[in-house]
C-alpha atoms as a PDB file:
ATOM      1  CA  UNK A   1      12.605  14.756   1.058  1.00  0.00           C
ATOM      2  CA  UNK A   2      15.446  14.908  -1.475  1.00  0.00           C
ATOM      3  CA  UNK A   3      16.954  11.992  -3.424  1.00  0.00           C
ATOM      4  CA  UNK A   4      19.763  11.397  -0.917  1.00  0.00           C
ATOM      5  CA  UNK A   5      17.336  11.297   1.976  1.00  0.00           C
ATOM      6  CA  UNK A   6      15.163   8.809   0.069  1.00  0.00           C
ATOM      7  CA  UNK A   7      18.264   6.655  -0.419  1.00  0.00           C
ATOM      8  CA  UNK A   8      19.097   6.871   3.288  1.00  0.00           C
ATOM      9  CA  UNK A   9      15.565   5.866   4.284  1.00  0.00           C
ATOM     10  CA  UNK A  10      15.567   2.953   1.843  1.00  0.00           C
ATOM     11  CA  UNK A  11      18.905   1.703   3.226  1.00  0.00           C
ATOM     12  CA  UNK A  12      17.639   1.914   6.807  1.00  0.00           C
ATOM     13  CA  UNK A  13      14.430   0.063   5.952  1.00  0.00           C
ATOM     14  CA  UNK A  14      16.275  -2.634   3.969  1.00  0.00           C
ATOM     15  CA  UNK A  15      19.030  -3.221   6.545  1.00  0.00           C
ATOM     16  CA  UNK A  16      16.987  -2.622   9.690  1.00  0.00           C
ATOM     17  CA  UNK A  17      19.827  -0.601  11.260  1.00  0.00           C
ATOM     18  CA  UNK A  18      22.506   1.617   9.694  1.00  0.00           C
ATOM     19  CA  UNK A  19      25.357   3.552  11.271  1.00  0.00           C
ATOM     20  CA  UNK A  20      26.063   7.182  10.470  1.00  0.00           C
ATOM     21  CA  UNK A  21      29.534   6.200   9.224  1.00  0.00           C
ATOM     22  CA  UNK A  22      28.186   3.555   6.833  1.00  0.00           C
ATOM     23  CA  UNK A  23      25.520   5.886   5.502  1.00  0.00           C
ATOM     24  CA  UNK A  24      28.163   8.551   4.852  1.00  0.00           C
ATOM     25  CA  UNK A  25      30.317   6.080   2.902  1.00  0.00           C
ATOM     26  CA  UNK A  26      27.404   4.722   0.870  1.00  0.00           C
ATOM     27  CA  UNK A  27      26.030   8.141  -0.084  1.00  0.00           C
ATOM     28  CA  UNK A  28      29.344   9.945  -0.551  1.00  0.00           C
ATOM     29  CA  UNK A  29      28.698  12.810   1.851  1.00  0.00           C
ATOM     30  CA  UNK A  30      30.082  13.765   5.254  1.00  0.00           C
ATOM     31  CA  UNK A  31      28.847  12.363   8.561  1.00  0.00           C
ATOM     32  CA  UNK A  32      27.757  15.887   9.493  1.00  0.00           C
ATOM     33  CA  UNK A  33      25.450  15.943   6.461  1.00  0.00           C
ATOM     34  CA  UNK A  34      24.132  12.466   7.314  1.00  0.00           C
ATOM     35  CA  UNK A  35      23.326  13.568  10.869  1.00  0.00           C
ATOM     36  CA  UNK A  36      21.450  16.568   9.479  1.00  0.00           C
ATOM     37  CA  UNK A  37      19.501  14.279   7.135  1.00  0.00           C
ATOM     38  CA  UNK A  38      18.719  11.848   9.959  1.00  0.00           C
ATOM     39  CA  UNK A  39      17.569  14.674  12.210  1.00  0.00           C
ATOM     40  CA  UNK A  40      15.154  15.815   9.507  1.00  0.00           C
ATOM     41  CA  UNK A  41      13.904  12.289   8.766  1.00  0.00           C
ATOM     42  CA  UNK A  42      13.357  11.618  12.460  1.00  0.00           C
ATOM     43  CA  UNK A  43      11.552  14.934  12.929  1.00  0.00           C
ATOM     44  CA  UNK A  44       9.244  13.996  10.042  1.00  0.00           C
ATOM     45  CA  UNK A  45       8.648  10.538  11.627  1.00  0.00           C
ATOM     46  CA  UNK A  46      10.297   8.505   8.862  1.00  0.00           C
ATOM     47  CA  UNK A  47      12.853   6.756  11.111  1.00  0.00           C
ATOM     48  CA  UNK A  48      14.338   6.792  14.607  1.00  0.00           C
ATOM     49  CA  UNK A  49      17.888   7.649  15.725  1.00  0.00           C
ATOM     50  CA  UNK A  50      19.718   5.785  18.472  1.00  0.00           C
ATOM     51  CA  UNK A  51      23.398   6.022  19.582  1.00  0.00           C
ATOM     52  CA  UNK A  52      25.003   6.698  16.207  1.00  0.00           C
ATOM     53  CA  UNK A  53      22.559   4.509  14.278  1.00  0.00           C
ATOM     54  CA  UNK A  54      19.300   4.953  12.413  1.00  0.00           C
ATOM     55  CA  UNK A  55      16.535   2.355  12.698  1.00  0.00           C
ATOM     56  CA  UNK A  56      13.164   2.088  10.927  1.00  0.00           C
ATOM     57  CA  UNK A  57       9.881   2.878  12.611  1.00  0.00           C
ATOM     58  CA  UNK A  58       7.220   0.278  13.352  1.00  0.00           C
ATOM     59  CA  UNK A  59       6.646  -1.755  10.193  1.00  0.00           C
ATOM     60  CA  UNK A  60       2.915  -0.914  10.384  1.00  0.00           C
ATOM     61  CA  UNK A  61       3.647   2.759   9.699  1.00  0.00           C
ATOM     62  CA  UNK A  62       2.110   3.534   6.287  1.00  0.00           C
ATOM     63  CA  UNK A  63       4.640   6.196   5.296  1.00  0.00           C
ATOM     64  CA  UNK A  64       7.582   3.947   6.145  1.00  0.00           C
ATOM     65  CA  UNK A  65       6.129   1.052   4.169  1.00  0.00           C
ATOM     66  CA  UNK A  66       5.497   3.369   1.233  1.00  0.00           C
ATOM     67  CA  UNK A  67       9.199   4.224   1.106  1.00  0.00           C
ATOM     68  CA  UNK A  68      10.143   0.529   1.135  1.00  0.00           C
ATOM     69  CA  UNK A  69      10.579  -0.342  -2.582  1.00  0.00           C
ATOM     70  CA  UNK A  70       9.139   3.066  -3.415  1.00  0.00           C
ATOM     71  CA  UNK A  71      10.075   3.029  -7.118  1.00  0.00           C
ATOM     72  CA  UNK A  72       8.449  -0.365  -7.656  1.00  0.00           C
ATOM     73  CA  UNK A  73       5.273   0.584  -5.810  1.00  0.00           C
ATOM     74  CA  UNK A  74       5.027   3.773  -7.857  1.00  0.00           C
ATOM     75  CA  UNK A  75       5.217   1.695 -11.068  1.00  0.00           C
ATOM     76  CA  UNK A  76       2.471  -0.627  -9.796  1.00  0.00           C
ATOM     77  CA  UNK A  77       0.321   2.360  -8.831  1.00  0.00           C
ATOM     78  CA  UNK A  78       0.754   4.042 -12.206  1.00  0.00           C
ATOM     79  CA  UNK A  79      -0.311   0.863 -14.015  1.00  0.00           C
ATOM     80  CA  UNK A  80      -3.342   0.526 -11.732  1.00  0.00           C
ATOM     81  CA  UNK A  81      -4.251   4.166 -12.360  1.00  0.00           C
ATOM     82  CA  UNK A  82      -4.275   3.506 -16.117  1.00  0.00           C
ATOM     83  CA  UNK A  83      -7.213   1.127 -15.608  1.00  0.00           C
ATOM     84  CA  UNK A  84      -9.442   3.857 -14.154  1.00  0.00           C
ATOM     85  CA  UNK A  85     -11.513   5.868 -16.619  1.00  0.00           C
ATOM     86  CA  UNK A  86     -12.650   9.510 -16.282  1.00  0.00           C
ATOM     87  CA  UNK A  87     -15.860   9.782 -14.295  1.00  0.00           C
ATOM     88  CA  UNK A  88     -15.372   6.573 -12.315  1.00  0.00           C
ATOM     89  CA  UNK A  89     -15.870   6.149  -8.588  1.00  0.00           C
ATOM     90  CA  UNK A  90     -13.357   3.712  -7.070  1.00  0.00           C
ATOM     91  CA  UNK A  91     -12.740   2.260  -3.632  1.00  0.00           C
ATOM     92  CA  UNK A  92      -9.117   2.256  -2.445  1.00  0.00           C
ATOM     93  CA  UNK A  93      -8.271   0.178   0.614  1.00  0.00           C
ATOM     94  CA  UNK A  94      -5.398   0.791   2.993  1.00  0.00           C
ATOM     95  CA  UNK A  95      -1.739   0.131   2.136  1.00  0.00           C
ATOM     96  CA  UNK A  96       1.354   1.795   0.716  1.00  0.00           C
ATOM     97  CA  UNK A  97       0.838   0.883  -2.961  1.00  0.00           C
ATOM     98  CA  UNK A  98      -2.807   1.914  -2.669  1.00  0.00           C
ATOM     99  CA  UNK A  99      -1.755   5.270  -1.197  1.00  0.00           C
ATOM    100  CA  UNK A 100       0.438   5.920  -4.238  1.00  0.00           C
ATOM    101  CA  UNK A 101      -2.455   4.893  -6.505  1.00  0.00           C
ATOM    102  CA  UNK A 102      -4.775   7.326  -4.724  1.00  0.00           C
ATOM    103  CA  UNK A 103      -2.249  10.115  -5.141  1.00  0.00           C
ATOM    104  CA  UNK A 104      -1.989   9.383  -8.878  1.00  0.00           C
ATOM    105  CA  UNK A 105      -5.782   9.346  -9.344  1.00  0.00           C
ATOM    106  CA  UNK A 106      -6.559  12.388  -7.202  1.00  0.00           C
ATOM    107  CA  UNK A 107      -4.935  14.729  -9.720  1.00  0.00           C
ATOM    108  CA  UNK A 108      -7.977  14.065 -11.945  1.00  0.00           C
ATOM    109  CA  UNK A 109     -10.960  16.149 -10.762  1.00  0.00           C
ATOM    110  CA  UNK A 110     -13.577  13.862 -12.337  1.00  0.00           C
ATOM    111  CA  UNK A 111     -12.574  10.728 -10.363  1.00  0.00           C
ATOM    112  CA  UNK A 112     -14.113  10.063  -6.951  1.00  0.00           C
ATOM    113  CA  UNK A 113     -12.120   8.067  -4.402  1.00  0.00           C
ATOM    114  CA  UNK A 114     -13.824   6.223  -1.552  1.00  0.00           C
ATOM    115  CA  UNK A 115     -11.479   5.005   1.178  1.00  0.00           C
ATOM    116  CA  UNK A 116     -11.315   3.764   4.767  1.00  0.00           C
ATOM    117  CA  UNK A 117      -7.760   5.083   5.123  1.00  0.00           C
ATOM    118  CA  UNK A 118      -7.403   8.368   6.992  1.00  0.00           C
ATOM    119  CA  UNK A 119      -3.782   8.426   5.802  1.00  0.00           C
ATOM    120  CA  UNK A 120      -4.930   8.388   2.164  1.00  0.00           C
ATOM    121  CA  UNK A 121      -7.560  11.059   2.828  1.00  0.00           C
ATOM    122  CA  UNK A 122      -4.945  13.316   4.453  1.00  0.00           C
ATOM    123  CA  UNK A 123      -2.499  12.653   1.611  1.00  0.00           C
ATOM    124  CA  UNK A 124      -5.071  13.966  -0.886  1.00  0.00           C
ATOM    125  CA  UNK A 125      -6.145  17.092   0.981  1.00  0.00           C
ATOM    126  CA  UNK A 126      -4.585  19.469  -1.575  1.00  0.00           C
ATOM    127  CA  UNK A 127      -5.722  17.585  -4.705  1.00  0.00           C
ATOM    128  CA  UNK A 128      -8.711  18.437  -6.919  1.00  0.00           C
ATOM    129  CA  UNK A 129     -10.342  14.969  -6.868  1.00  0.00           C
ATOM    130  CA  UNK A 130     -13.289  14.219  -4.600  1.00  0.00           C
ATOM    131  CA  UNK A 131     -12.527  11.994  -1.591  1.00  0.00           C
ATOM    132  CA  UNK A 132     -15.085  10.168   0.552  1.00  0.00           C
ATOM    133  CA  UNK A 133     -13.659   8.917   3.860  1.00  0.00           C
ATOM    134  CA  UNK A 134     -15.828   6.286   5.517  1.00  0.00           C
ATOM    135  CA  UNK A 135     -16.127   6.367   9.307  1.00  0.00           C
ATOM    136  CA  UNK A 136     -15.747   3.717  11.985  1.00  0.00           C
ATOM    137  CA  UNK A 137     -13.328   2.598  14.671  1.00  0.00           C
ATOM    138  CA  UNK A 138      -9.946   4.267  14.092  1.00  0.00           C
ATOM    139  CA  UNK A 139      -6.980   1.879  14.018  1.00  0.00           C
ATOM    140  CA  UNK A 140      -4.095   4.141  14.971  1.00  0.00           C
ATOM    141  CA  UNK A 141      -1.176   2.102  13.611  1.00  0.00           C
ATOM    142  CA  UNK A 142      -2.719   1.375  10.226  1.00  0.00           C
ATOM    143  CA  UNK A 143      -4.560   4.736  10.119  1.00  0.00           C
ATOM    144  CA  UNK A 144      -7.622   2.864   8.875  1.00  0.00           C
ATOM    145  CA  UNK A 145     -11.318   2.684   9.771  1.00  0.00           C
ATOM    146  CA  UNK A 146     -12.750  -0.699  10.765  1.00  0.00           C
ATOM    147  CA  UNK A 147     -15.720  -2.250  12.545  1.00  0.00           C
ATOM    148  CA  UNK A 148     -19.503  -2.558  12.090  1.00  0.00           C
ATOM    149  CA  UNK A 149     -20.038   1.146  11.396  1.00  0.00           C
ATOM    150  CA  UNK A 150     -17.555   1.009   8.529  1.00  0.00           C
ATOM    151  CA  UNK A 151     -19.359  -2.051   7.166  1.00  0.00           C
ATOM    152  CA  UNK A 152     -22.633  -0.089   7.202  1.00  0.00           C
ATOM    153  CA  UNK A 153     -21.070   2.834   5.362  1.00  0.00           C
ATOM    154  CA  UNK A 154     -19.694   0.480   2.683  1.00  0.00           C
ATOM    155  CA  UNK A 155     -23.220  -0.804   2.082  1.00  0.00           C
ATOM    156  CA  UNK A 156     -24.402   2.770   1.435  1.00  0.00           C
ATOM    157  CA  UNK A 157     -21.872   3.699  -1.269  1.00  0.00           C
ATOM    158  CA  UNK A 158     -21.252   2.357  -4.762  1.00  0.00           C
ATOM    159  CA  UNK A 159     -18.090   2.065  -6.855  1.00  0.00           C
ATOM    160  CA  UNK A 160     -17.024   0.393 -10.080  1.00  0.00           C
ATOM    161  CA  UNK A 161     -13.597  -0.841  -8.966  1.00  0.00           C
ATOM    162  CA  UNK A 162     -12.045  -1.750  -5.615  1.00  0.00           C
ATOM    163  CA  UNK A 163      -8.275  -1.797  -5.128  1.00  0.00           C
ATOM    164  CA  UNK A 164      -7.312  -4.163  -2.329  1.00  0.00           C
ATOM    165  CA  UNK A 165      -4.067  -4.723  -0.434  1.00  0.00           C
ATOM    166  CA  UNK A 166      -3.180  -8.215   0.803  1.00  0.00           C
ATOM    167  CA  UNK A 167      -0.681  -9.685   3.259  1.00  0.00           C
ATOM    168  CA  UNK A 168      -0.410 -13.188   1.824  1.00  0.00           C
ATOM    169  CA  UNK A 169      -1.511 -15.709  -0.788  1.00  0.00           C
ATOM    170  CA  UNK A 170      -1.266 -19.473  -1.128  1.00  0.00           C
ATOM    171  CA  UNK A 171      -3.104 -21.678  -3.649  1.00  0.00           C
ATOM    172  CA  UNK A 172      -4.700 -23.590  -0.779  1.00  0.00           C
ATOM    173  CA  UNK A 173      -5.870 -20.544   1.201  1.00  0.00           C
ATOM    174  CA  UNK A 174      -6.354 -17.821  -1.383  1.00  0.00           C
ATOM    175  CA  UNK A 175      -5.670 -14.247  -0.288  1.00  0.00           C
ATOM    176  CA  UNK A 176      -5.139 -13.644   3.423  1.00  0.00           C
ATOM    177  CA  UNK A 177      -4.634 -10.754   5.842  1.00  0.00           C
ATOM    178  CA  UNK A 178      -2.880 -10.420   9.183  1.00  0.00           C
ATOM    179  CA  UNK A 179      -5.543  -8.208  10.828  1.00  0.00           C
ATOM    180  CA  UNK A 180      -9.007  -9.608  11.549  1.00  0.00           C
ATOM    181  CA  UNK A 181     -10.891  -6.297  11.489  1.00  0.00           C
ATOM    182  CA  UNK A 182      -9.273  -5.040   8.320  1.00  0.00           C
ATOM    183  CA  UNK A 183      -9.964  -8.416   6.683  1.00  0.00           C
ATOM    184  CA  UNK A 184     -13.625  -8.011   7.626  1.00  0.00           C
ATOM    185  CA  UNK A 185     -13.748  -4.627   5.859  1.00  0.00           C
ATOM    186  CA  UNK A 186     -12.148  -6.098   2.727  1.00  0.00           C
ATOM    187  CA  UNK A 187     -14.766  -8.836   2.724  1.00  0.00           C
ATOM    188  CA  UNK A 188     -17.528  -6.225   3.045  1.00  0.00           C
ATOM    189  CA  UNK A 189     -16.096  -4.486  -0.025  1.00  0.00           C
ATOM    190  CA  UNK A 190     -15.938  -7.769  -1.954  1.00  0.00           C
ATOM    191  CA  UNK A 191     -19.616  -8.412  -1.185  1.00  0.00           C
ATOM    192  CA  UNK A 192     -20.470  -5.317  -3.249  1.00  0.00           C
ATOM    193  CA  UNK A 193     -19.616  -7.256  -6.417  1.00  0.00           C
ATOM    194  CA  UNK A 194     -17.583  -4.517  -8.110  1.00  0.00           C
ATOM    195  CA  UNK A 195     -14.365  -5.322  -9.994  1.00  0.00           C
ATOM    196  CA  UNK A 196     -11.909  -6.332  -7.258  1.00  0.00           C
ATOM    197  CA  UNK A 197      -8.234  -5.702  -8.002  1.00  0.00           C
ATOM    198  CA  UNK A 198      -5.332  -6.849  -5.828  1.00  0.00           C
ATOM    199  CA  UNK A 199      -2.484  -4.324  -5.929  1.00  0.00           C
ATOM    200  CA  UNK A 200       0.679  -5.666  -4.303  1.00  0.00           C
ATOM    201  CA  UNK A 201       4.347  -6.425  -4.817  1.00  0.00           C
ATOM    202  CA  UNK A 202       5.281 -10.071  -5.384  1.00  0.00           C
ATOM    203  CA  UNK A 203       6.724 -10.607  -1.895  1.00  0.00           C
ATOM    204  CA  UNK A 204       3.223 -11.336  -0.546  1.00  0.00           C
ATOM    205  CA  UNK A 205       2.773 -14.437  -2.720  1.00  0.00           C
ATOM    206  CA  UNK A 206       3.757 -17.548  -0.800  1.00  0.00           C
ATOM    207  CA  UNK A 207       3.059 -15.955   2.601  1.00  0.00           C
ATOM    208  CA  UNK A 208       0.118 -17.023   4.735  1.00  0.00           C
ATOM    209  CA  UNK A 209      -1.825 -15.134   7.412  1.00  0.00           C
ATOM    210  CA  UNK A 210      -4.788 -16.104   9.592  1.00  0.00           C
ATOM    211  CA  UNK A 211      -7.708 -14.225   8.065  1.00  0.00           C
ATOM    212  CA  UNK A 212      -9.295 -15.109   4.730  1.00  0.00           C
ATOM    213  CA  UNK A 213      -9.973 -12.464   2.083  1.00  0.00           C
ATOM    214  CA  UNK A 214     -12.440 -13.724  -0.400  1.00  0.00           C
ATOM    215  CA  UNK A 215     -13.182 -16.435  -1.669  1.00  0.00           C
ATOM    216  CA  UNK A 216     -10.935 -16.161  -4.706  1.00  0.00           C
ATOM    217  CA  UNK A 217     -13.964 -16.073  -7.012  1.00  0.00           C
ATOM    218  CA  UNK A 218     -14.747 -12.565  -5.735  1.00  0.00           C
ATOM    219  CA  UNK A 219     -11.463 -11.202  -7.125  1.00  0.00           C
ATOM    220  CA  UNK A 220     -10.971 -10.249 -10.776  1.00  0.00           C
ATOM    221  CA  UNK A 221      -7.413  -9.038 -11.259  1.00  0.00           C
ATOM    222  CA  UNK A 222      -3.930  -9.010  -9.721  1.00  0.00           C
ATOM    223  CA  UNK A 223      -1.356  -6.297 -10.410  1.00  0.00           C
ATOM    224  CA  UNK A 224       2.137  -7.233  -9.250  1.00  0.00           C
ATOM    225  CA  UNK A 225       5.779  -7.236 -10.349  1.00  0.00           C
ATOM    226  CA  UNK A 226       7.932  -9.538 -12.440  1.00  0.00           C
ATOM    227  CA  UNK A 227       9.418 -11.344  -9.417  1.00  0.00           C
ATOM    228  CA  UNK A 228       6.234 -13.398  -9.289  1.00  0.00           C
ATOM    229  CA  UNK A 229       7.097 -16.931 -10.356  1.00  0.00           C
ATOM    230  CA  UNK A 230       5.519 -18.369 -13.495  1.00  0.00           C
ATOM    231  CA  UNK A 231       4.067 -21.189 -11.379  1.00  0.00           C
ATOM    232  CA  UNK A 232       2.217 -18.766  -9.097  1.00  0.00           C
ATOM    233  CA  UNK A 233       1.061 -16.692 -12.062  1.00  0.00           C
ATOM    234  CA  UNK A 234      -0.437 -19.791 -13.687  1.00  0.00           C
ATOM    235  CA  UNK A 235      -2.132 -20.788 -10.433  1.00  0.00           C
ATOM    236  CA  UNK A 236      -3.725 -17.337 -10.183  1.00  0.00           C
ATOM    237  CA  UNK A 237      -4.856 -17.445 -13.805  1.00  0.00           C
ATOM    238  CA  UNK A 238      -6.282 -20.941 -13.366  1.00  0.00           C
ATOM    239  CA  UNK A 239      -8.327 -19.546 -10.472  1.00  0.00           C
ATOM    240  CA  UNK A 240      -9.899 -17.127 -12.959  1.00  0.00           C
ATOM    241  CA  UNK A 241      -7.909 -13.968 -12.301  1.00  0.00           C
ATOM    242  CA  UNK A 242      -6.320 -11.652 -14.845  1.00  0.00           C
ATOM    243  CA  UNK A 243      -2.663 -11.163 -13.867  1.00  0.00           C
ATOM    244  CA  UNK A 244      -0.870  -7.980 -14.914  1.00  0.00           C
ATOM    245  CA  UNK A 245       2.910  -8.094 -14.495  1.00  0.00           C
ATOM    246  CA  UNK A 246       4.743  -4.789 -14.136  1.00  0.00           C
ATOM    247  CA  UNK A 247       8.484  -4.713 -14.822  1.00  0.00           C
ATOM    248  CA  UNK A 248      10.601  -3.733 -11.841  1.00  0.00           C
ATOM    249  CA  UNK A 249      12.421  -0.379 -12.379  1.00  0.00           C
END
């Protein structure tokens, strides 16, 4: 995917629907070129074409979510990667920022990555780092393993750090997720007592979802961007978490 195609995908994700004509104007190329780009992006399952427009895929698609605010998520992932030392074994949960973190870490052959994400495992198939993919029930949309078998596998492995994705946070509820079975896997990871690190953009703070992740005392650190309000940062710090703010690119 070239830079123009990344721009097209970002526009489609941000707007929800973009016409070929508007994309041509905004990128400075012909409509013929835009149609060629859209054909390629659709063939690679990044977006869908319909009657002269391009629309995003299901919001649960990991690759699509990775491209949403890609530059920011890459900055968050690079900061998170700087916290991992040579020789460490880390758990990386599902999610777009976590996928970028895994890709950054997997270039180092002496780091072992444990994950429940088949998407992450596939992403790292050509990298030198060791990857352990835990089994279980396969959630097709999230490309993640869940269920009691996955819980059992988590109990059998050990790691020094766990990088967790969240869907929401409120002071009253703590961290929350929208999917019950994925929330259960996160809670199994937290029970291991390793350093638990939330890796997410600031849009999740203030949202609320049904399933609790935590309690908050089981988390150690939050890595997010500078759109997080000072009030929310203070609330997180008062709950005992280290908050690392990454500047938006």
